[in-house]
C-alpha atoms as a PDB file:
ATOM      1  CA  SER A   1     -11.698 -19.804 -17.355  1.00  0.00           C
ATOM      2  CA  LYS A   2      -9.245 -16.994 -17.981  1.00  0.00           C
ATOM      3  CA  SER A   3      -7.440 -15.178 -15.219  1.00  0.00           C
ATOM      4  CA  PHE A   4      -8.358 -11.592 -14.367  1.00  0.00           C
ATOM      5  CA  PHE A   5      -5.200 -10.400 -16.088  1.00  0.00           C
ATOM      6  CA  ALA A   6      -5.880 -12.353 -19.306  1.00  0.00           C
ATOM      7  CA  GLU A   7      -9.555 -11.286 -19.428  1.00  0.00           C
ATOM      8  CA  ASN A   8      -8.800  -7.586 -18.957  1.00  0.00           C
ATOM      9  CA  GLU A   9      -5.715  -7.033 -21.108  1.00  0.00           C
ATOM     10  CA  GLY A  10      -5.884  -3.572 -22.699  1.00  0.00           C
ATOM     11  CA  LYS A  11      -9.205  -2.696 -21.016  1.00  0.00           C
ATOM     12  CA  ILE A  12      -8.251  -0.699 -17.919  1.00  0.00           C
ATOM     13  CA  GLN A  13      -7.647   3.054 -17.971  1.00  0.00           C
ATOM     14  CA  CYS A  14      -5.856   3.340 -14.630  1.00  0.00           C
ATOM     15  CA  VAL A  15      -4.206   0.928 -12.210  1.00  0.00           C
ATOM     16  CA  TYR A  16      -3.515   2.356  -8.747  1.00  0.00           C
ATOM     17  CA  ASP A  17      -1.017  -0.030  -7.177  1.00  0.00           C
ATOM     18  CA  ALA A  18      -0.679   0.382  -3.422  1.00  0.00           C
ATOM     19  CA  ALA A  19       0.660  -3.137  -2.814  1.00  0.00           C
ATOM     20  CA  THR A  20       3.816  -3.614  -4.889  1.00  0.00           C
ATOM     21  CA  GLY A  21       6.860  -3.178  -2.712  1.00  0.00           C
ATOM     22  CA  SER A  22       4.926  -2.863   0.532  1.00  0.00           C
ATOM     23  CA  GLY A  23       6.943  -5.479   2.345  1.00  0.00           C
ATOM     24  CA  LYS A  24       5.604  -8.922   1.498  1.00  0.00           C
ATOM     25  CA  GLY A  25       7.259  -9.444  -1.862  1.00  0.00           C
ATOM     26  CA  GLU A  26       4.380  -8.200  -3.995  1.00  0.00           C
ATOM     27  CA  ALA A  27       5.290  -7.357  -7.572  1.00  0.00           C
ATOM     28  CA  TYR A  28       2.290  -6.489  -9.724  1.00  0.00           C
ATOM     29  CA  THR A  29       3.934  -4.054 -12.141  1.00  0.00           C
ATOM     30  CA  LYS A  30       4.753  -6.546 -14.912  1.00  0.00           C
ATOM     31  CA  GLU A  31       1.290  -8.154 -14.661  1.00  0.00           C
ATOM     32  CA  SER A  32      -0.549  -4.821 -14.499  1.00  0.00           C
ATOM     33  CA  MET A  33       1.074  -2.880 -17.348  1.00  0.00           C
ATOM     34  CA  PRO A  34      -0.572  -5.040 -20.084  1.00  0.00           C
ATOM     35  CA  LEU A  35      -3.990  -4.285 -18.551  1.00  0.00           C
ATOM     36  CA  LEU A  36      -3.729  -0.619 -19.538  1.00  0.00           C
ATOM     37  CA  VAL A  37      -5.564   0.845 -22.503  1.00  0.00           C
ATOM     38  CA  LYS A  38      -2.885   1.258 -25.180  1.00  0.00           C
ATOM     39  CA  ASP A  39      -1.367   4.775 -25.385  1.00  0.00           C
ATOM     40  CA  SER A  40      -3.616   6.307 -22.714  1.00  0.00           C
ATOM     41  CA  GLY A  41      -3.749   3.968 -19.698  1.00  0.00           C
ATOM     42  CA  GLU A  42      -1.873   5.068 -16.592  1.00  0.00           C
ATOM     43  CA  TYR A  43      -0.117   2.942 -13.978  1.00  0.00           C
ATOM     44  CA  VAL A  44       0.278   4.761 -10.646  1.00  0.00           C
ATOM     45  CA  GLN A  45       2.458   3.129  -8.013  1.00  0.00           C
ATOM     46  CA  LEU A  46       2.374   4.171  -4.376  1.00  0.00           C
ATOM     47  CA  ASN A  47       5.155   1.864  -3.252  1.00  0.00           C
ATOM     48  CA  GLY A  48       7.889   0.262  -5.223  1.00  0.00           C
ATOM     49  CA  SER A  49      11.143  -1.601  -5.241  1.00  0.00           C
ATOM     50  CA  ALA A  50      14.457   0.173  -4.776  1.00  0.00           C
ATOM     51  CA  GLY A  51      14.900   0.018  -8.549  1.00  0.00           C
ATOM     52  CA  VAL A  52      11.609   1.832  -9.168  1.00  0.00           C
ATOM     53  CA  TRP A  53      12.526   4.530  -6.650  1.00  0.00           C
ATOM     54  CA  ILE A  54      15.914   5.028  -8.279  1.00  0.00           C
ATOM     55  CA  LYS A  55      14.411   5.157 -11.787  1.00  0.00           C
ATOM     56  CA  GLY A  56      11.497   7.359 -10.757  1.00  0.00           C
ATOM     57  CA  ALA A  57      12.684   9.652  -8.006  1.00  0.00           C
ATOM     58  CA  MET A  58      16.365   9.973  -8.777  1.00  0.00           C
ATOM     59  CA  LEU A  59      16.686   9.485 -12.529  1.00  0.00           C
ATOM     60  CA  ASN A  60      13.224  10.457 -13.764  1.00  0.00           C
ATOM     61  CA  LYS A  61      13.371   7.478 -16.156  1.00  0.00           C
ATOM     62  CA  LEU A  62      10.135   5.544 -15.545  1.00  0.00           C
ATOM     63  CA  PRO A  63       8.441   4.170 -18.665  1.00  0.00           C
ATOM     64  CA  LYS A  64       5.751   6.306 -20.325  1.00  0.00           C
ATOM     65  CA  HIS A  65       2.394   6.026 -18.496  1.00  0.00           C
ATOM     66  CA  GLN A  66       4.029   4.740 -15.305  1.00  0.00           C
ATOM     67  CA  HIS A  67       4.061   7.046 -12.287  1.00  0.00           C
ATOM     68  CA  LEU A  68       5.437   6.875  -8.770  1.00  0.00           C
ATOM     69  CA  ILE A  69       3.783   8.864  -6.007  1.00  0.00           C
ATOM     70  CA  LEU A  70       6.173  10.699  -3.726  1.00  0.00           C
ATOM     71  CA  THR A  71       4.744  12.393  -0.670  1.00  0.00           C
ATOM     72  CA  ASP A  72       5.815  15.552   1.080  1.00  0.00           C
ATOM     73  CA  MET A  73       5.837  15.146   4.845  1.00  0.00           C
ATOM     74  CA  ASN A  74       3.896  18.068   6.270  1.00  0.00           C
ATOM     75  CA  LYS A  75       4.046  18.467  10.055  1.00  0.00           C
ATOM     76  CA  ALA A  76       1.411  21.230  10.142  1.00  0.00           C
ATOM     77  CA  ALA A  77      -1.102  19.103   8.211  1.00  0.00           C
ATOM     78  CA  LEU A  78      -0.480  16.113  10.495  1.00  0.00           C
ATOM     79  CA  GLU A  79      -0.933  18.292  13.579  1.00  0.00           C
ATOM     80  CA  GLU A  80      -4.223  19.599  12.152  1.00  0.00           C
ATOM     81  CA  VAL A  81      -5.475  16.049  11.531  1.00  0.00           C
ATOM     82  CA  ALA A  82      -4.490  15.096  15.092  1.00  0.00           C
ATOM     83  CA  MET A  83      -6.315  18.141  16.478  1.00  0.00           C
ATOM     84  CA  LEU A  84      -9.477  17.327  14.484  1.00  0.00           C
ATOM     85  CA  LEU A  85      -9.416  13.698  15.638  1.00  0.00           C
ATOM     86  CA  LYS A  86      -8.984  14.827  19.252  1.00  0.00           C
ATOM     87  CA  LYS A  87     -11.878  17.278  18.815  1.00  0.00           C
ATOM     88  CA  ILE A  88     -14.277  14.433  17.938  1.00  0.00           C
ATOM     89  CA  ASP A  89     -12.656  12.060  20.466  1.00  0.00           C
ATOM     90  CA  ALA A  90     -11.683   9.572  17.752  1.00  0.00           C
ATOM     91  CA  LYS A  91      -9.819   6.510  18.955  1.00  0.00           C
ATOM     92  CA  PRO A  92      -7.864   4.055  16.803  1.00  0.00           C
ATOM     93  CA  HIS A  93      -9.157   0.498  16.547  1.00  0.00           C
ATOM     94  CA  MET A  94      -6.895  -1.773  18.599  1.00  0.00           C
ATOM     95  CA  ASN A  95      -6.567  -5.548  18.654  1.00  0.00           C
ATOM     96  CA  VAL A  96      -5.447  -6.090  22.274  1.00  0.00           C
ATOM     97  CA  LEU A  97      -3.899  -9.522  22.683  1.00  0.00           C
ATOM     98  CA  PRO A  98      -2.290 -11.188  25.689  1.00  0.00           C
ATOM     99  CA  PHE A  99       1.495 -11.269  25.741  1.00  0.00           C
ATOM    100  CA  THR A 100       1.599 -15.060  25.629  1.00  0.00           C
ATOM    101  CA  GLU A 101       2.930 -17.486  23.054  1.00  0.00           C
ATOM    102  CA  GLU A 102      -0.570 -17.909  21.620  1.00  0.00           C
ATOM    103  CA  GLY A 103      -1.267 -14.147  21.675  1.00  0.00           C
ATOM    104  CA  VAL A 104       1.997 -13.312  19.912  1.00  0.00           C
ATOM    105  CA  LYS A 105       1.304 -15.992  17.275  1.00  0.00           C
ATOM    106  CA  GLU A 106      -2.194 -14.584  16.725  1.00  0.00           C
ATOM    107  CA  GLY A 107      -0.811 -11.058  16.388  1.00  0.00           C
ATOM    108  CA  PHE A 108       1.793 -12.092  13.839  1.00  0.00           C
ATOM    109  CA  ASP A 109      -0.804 -14.095  11.907  1.00  0.00           C
ATOM    110  CA  LEU A 110      -2.975 -10.947  11.799  1.00  0.00           C
ATOM    111  CA  LEU A 111      -0.064  -8.857  10.524  1.00  0.00           C
ATOM    112  CA  LYS A 112       0.956 -11.459   7.949  1.00  0.00           C
ATOM    113  CA  SER A 113      -2.635 -11.670   6.673  1.00  0.00           C
ATOM    114  CA  ARG A 114      -2.375  -7.963   5.794  1.00  0.00           C
ATOM    115  CA  ARG A 115      -6.029  -7.716   6.842  1.00  0.00           C
ATOM    116  CA  ALA A 116      -5.526  -6.504  10.408  1.00  0.00           C
ATOM    117  CA  LYS A 117      -7.847  -3.617  11.160  1.00  0.00           C
ATOM    118  CA  GLY A 118      -6.205  -0.975  13.335  1.00  0.00           C
ATOM    119  CA  LYS A 119      -3.241  -1.679  15.589  1.00  0.00           C
ATOM    120  CA  VAL A 120      -2.029  -4.931  17.123  1.00  0.00           C
ATOM    121  CA  VAL A 121      -1.240  -4.288  20.802  1.00  0.00           C
ATOM    122  CA  TYR A 122       0.075  -6.707  23.426  1.00  0.00           C
ATOM    123  CA  ASP A 123      -1.139  -6.465  27.028  1.00  0.00           C
ATOM    124  CA  MET A 124       2.028  -6.847  29.109  1.00  0.00           C
ATOM    125  CA  SER A 125       0.285  -6.678  32.511  1.00  0.00           C
END
């Protein structure tokens, strides 16, 4: 059986990559570019290596059909989101673990799995 990448070469209009460069050594750019429909497919990268940031943000030299998302930090928008969350009494999901050897190991395993929902918090009491 073929891999996902081999089966879908040239068939995908847009790849939104939010994993490459996010801290665990992911590098999907080279594998993902061949997936794009020739001459019209777009590769949009949320994170990236230092090289991608230099090429994209500083030199404006990314290859055609490859884009890097840069965000504008907006304090007023963040304050509005915080106010709306407070208004509905929203609380973040927290994984509260004991501050023991086993608890710390479990917390790090959760973080390394990249599937932790919410925050990992240690109970120090």
